[in-house]
Amino acid sequence: MNVNIETVHFTADAKLIDHVNAKLQKLSTFHDRIIKANVYLKLDNVVHKIKDKVAEIRIDVPRHSFFVKACTKSFQESFDTALESLITQIKKQKEKQAA
């Protein structure tokens, strides 16, 4: 699986990048044919003092693409929330294919 992590309006530290990579590797237990994973980490409301942390994940598998977005006060929490939603989408798609 190709993993592409992009950060917008900030530079991510190694701890955050390692967290994202470790969690993405676990996706292979839910779908074994993941081609590519794109992760976008960005700061929302840059002009205001309160900055929300947005995590977007796009996963490409043969004949399908999954996309999720989550926004919280920390990148780890945003990413984890988005990942849980993504896992739910993958499970639902697998159930549809099996039926």
Protein backbone atom coordinates (compact mmCIF):
# COMPACT_ATOMS: atom_id res chain seq x y z
CA MET A 1 0.00 0.00 0.00
CA ASN A 2 1.31 3.44 -0.96
CA VAL A 3 0.90 5.96 1.84
CA ASN A 4 0.98 9.68 1.11
CA ILE A 5 0.77 12.11 4.05
CA GLU A 6 0.33 15.81 3.28
CA THR A 7 0.26 18.60 5.82
CA VAL A 8 -1.32 21.97 5.10
CA HIS A 9 -0.44 25.19 7.01
CA PHE A 10 1.99 23.41 9.38
CA THR A 11 4.86 20.92 9.58
CA ALA A 12 4.10 17.58 11.25
CA ASP A 13 6.47 16.12 13.81
CA ALA A 14 7.80 12.56 13.57
CA LYS A 15 5.52 11.35 16.37
CA LEU A 16 2.39 12.33 14.41
CA ILE A 17 3.69 10.79 11.17
CA ASP A 18 4.55 7.53 13.01
CA HIS A 19 1.08 7.49 14.60
CA VAL A 20 -0.61 7.85 11.20
CA ASN A 21 1.58 5.20 9.54
CA ALA A 22 1.09 2.69 12.36
CA LYS A 23 -2.70 3.07 12.29
CA LEU A 24 -2.87 2.86 8.49
CA GLN A 25 -0.97 -0.44 8.48
CA LYS A 26 -3.81 -1.94 10.54
CA LEU A 27 -6.25 -1.24 7.68
CA SER A 28 -4.93 -4.28 5.83
CA THR A 29 -6.79 -6.48 8.34
CA PHE A 30 -10.10 -5.05 7.06
CA HIS A 31 -9.31 -4.95 3.34
CA ASP A 32 -6.41 -6.83 1.78
CA ARG A 33 -6.35 -5.03 -1.60
CA ILE A 34 -5.73 -1.40 -0.61
CA ILE A 35 -3.79 0.29 -3.40
CA LYS A 36 -3.20 3.77 -2.02
CA ALA A 37 -3.87 5.82 1.10
CA ASN A 38 -3.83 9.62 1.05
CA VAL A 39 -3.90 11.45 4.38
CA TYR A 40 -4.37 15.21 4.57
CA LEU A 41 -3.72 16.92 7.88
CA LYS A 42 -4.61 20.59 7.94
CA LEU A 43 -5.34 23.49 10.20
CA ASP A 44 -8.80 24.97 9.74
CA ASN A 45 -9.73 28.57 10.61
CA VAL A 46 -6.17 29.80 10.18
CA VAL A 47 -7.29 33.44 10.33
CA HIS A 48 -8.89 32.99 13.76
CA LYS A 49 -7.13 32.26 17.03
CA ILE A 50 -8.94 28.91 17.46
CA LYS A 51 -7.49 26.38 15.06
CA ASP A 52 -9.36 23.15 14.44
CA LYS A 53 -7.30 20.16 13.35
CA VAL A 54 -8.75 18.44 10.27
CA ALA A 55 -7.84 14.93 9.15
CA GLU A 56 -8.97 13.64 5.76
CA ILE A 57 -8.30 10.09 4.59
CA ARG A 58 -8.84 8.75 1.08
CA ILE A 59 -8.34 5.03 0.47
CA ASP A 60 -8.31 3.54 -3.02
CA VAL A 61 -9.17 -0.12 -3.55
CA PRO A 62 -10.00 -1.83 -6.86
CA ARG A 63 -13.28 -0.41 -8.24
CA HIS A 64 -13.95 1.70 -5.15
CA SER A 65 -12.71 4.70 -3.20
CA PHE A 66 -13.39 5.62 0.43
CA PHE A 67 -13.20 9.15 1.86
CA VAL A 68 -13.63 10.39 5.42
CA LYS A 69 -13.05 13.69 7.19
CA ALA A 70 -12.94 14.53 10.89
CA CYS A 71 -12.32 17.77 12.77
CA THR A 72 -11.37 18.02 16.46
CA LYS A 73 -8.89 19.90 18.65
CA SER A 74 -5.94 17.51 18.09
CA PHE A 75 -4.56 15.75 15.03
CA GLN A 76 -4.35 12.33 16.69
CA GLU A 77 -7.99 12.51 17.77
CA SER A 78 -9.11 13.75 14.34
CA PHE A 79 -7.18 11.00 12.58
CA ASP A 80 -8.44 8.28 14.93
CA THR A 81 -12.06 9.43 14.51
CA ALA A 82 -11.70 9.49 10.73
CA LEU A 83 -10.07 6.05 10.76
CA GLU A 84 -12.94 4.55 12.78
CA SER A 85 -15.41 5.96 10.25
CA LEU A 86 -13.30 4.60 7.40
CA ILE A 87 -13.24 1.11 8.94
CA THR A 88 -17.04 1.23 9.23
CA GLN A 89 -17.32 2.15 5.54
CA ILE A 90 -14.99 -0.68 4.52
CA LYS A 91 -16.96 -3.20 6.59
CA LYS A 92 -20.26 -2.07 5.06
CA GLN A 93 -18.82 -2.34 1.54
CA LYS A 94 -17.55 -5.86 2.25
CA GLU A 95 -20.99 -6.88 3.55
CA LYS A 96 -22.62 -5.54 0.36
CA GLN A 97 -20.17 -7.50 -1.80
CA ALA A 98 -20.75 -10.69 0.19
CA ALA A 99 -24.54 -10.41 -0.12
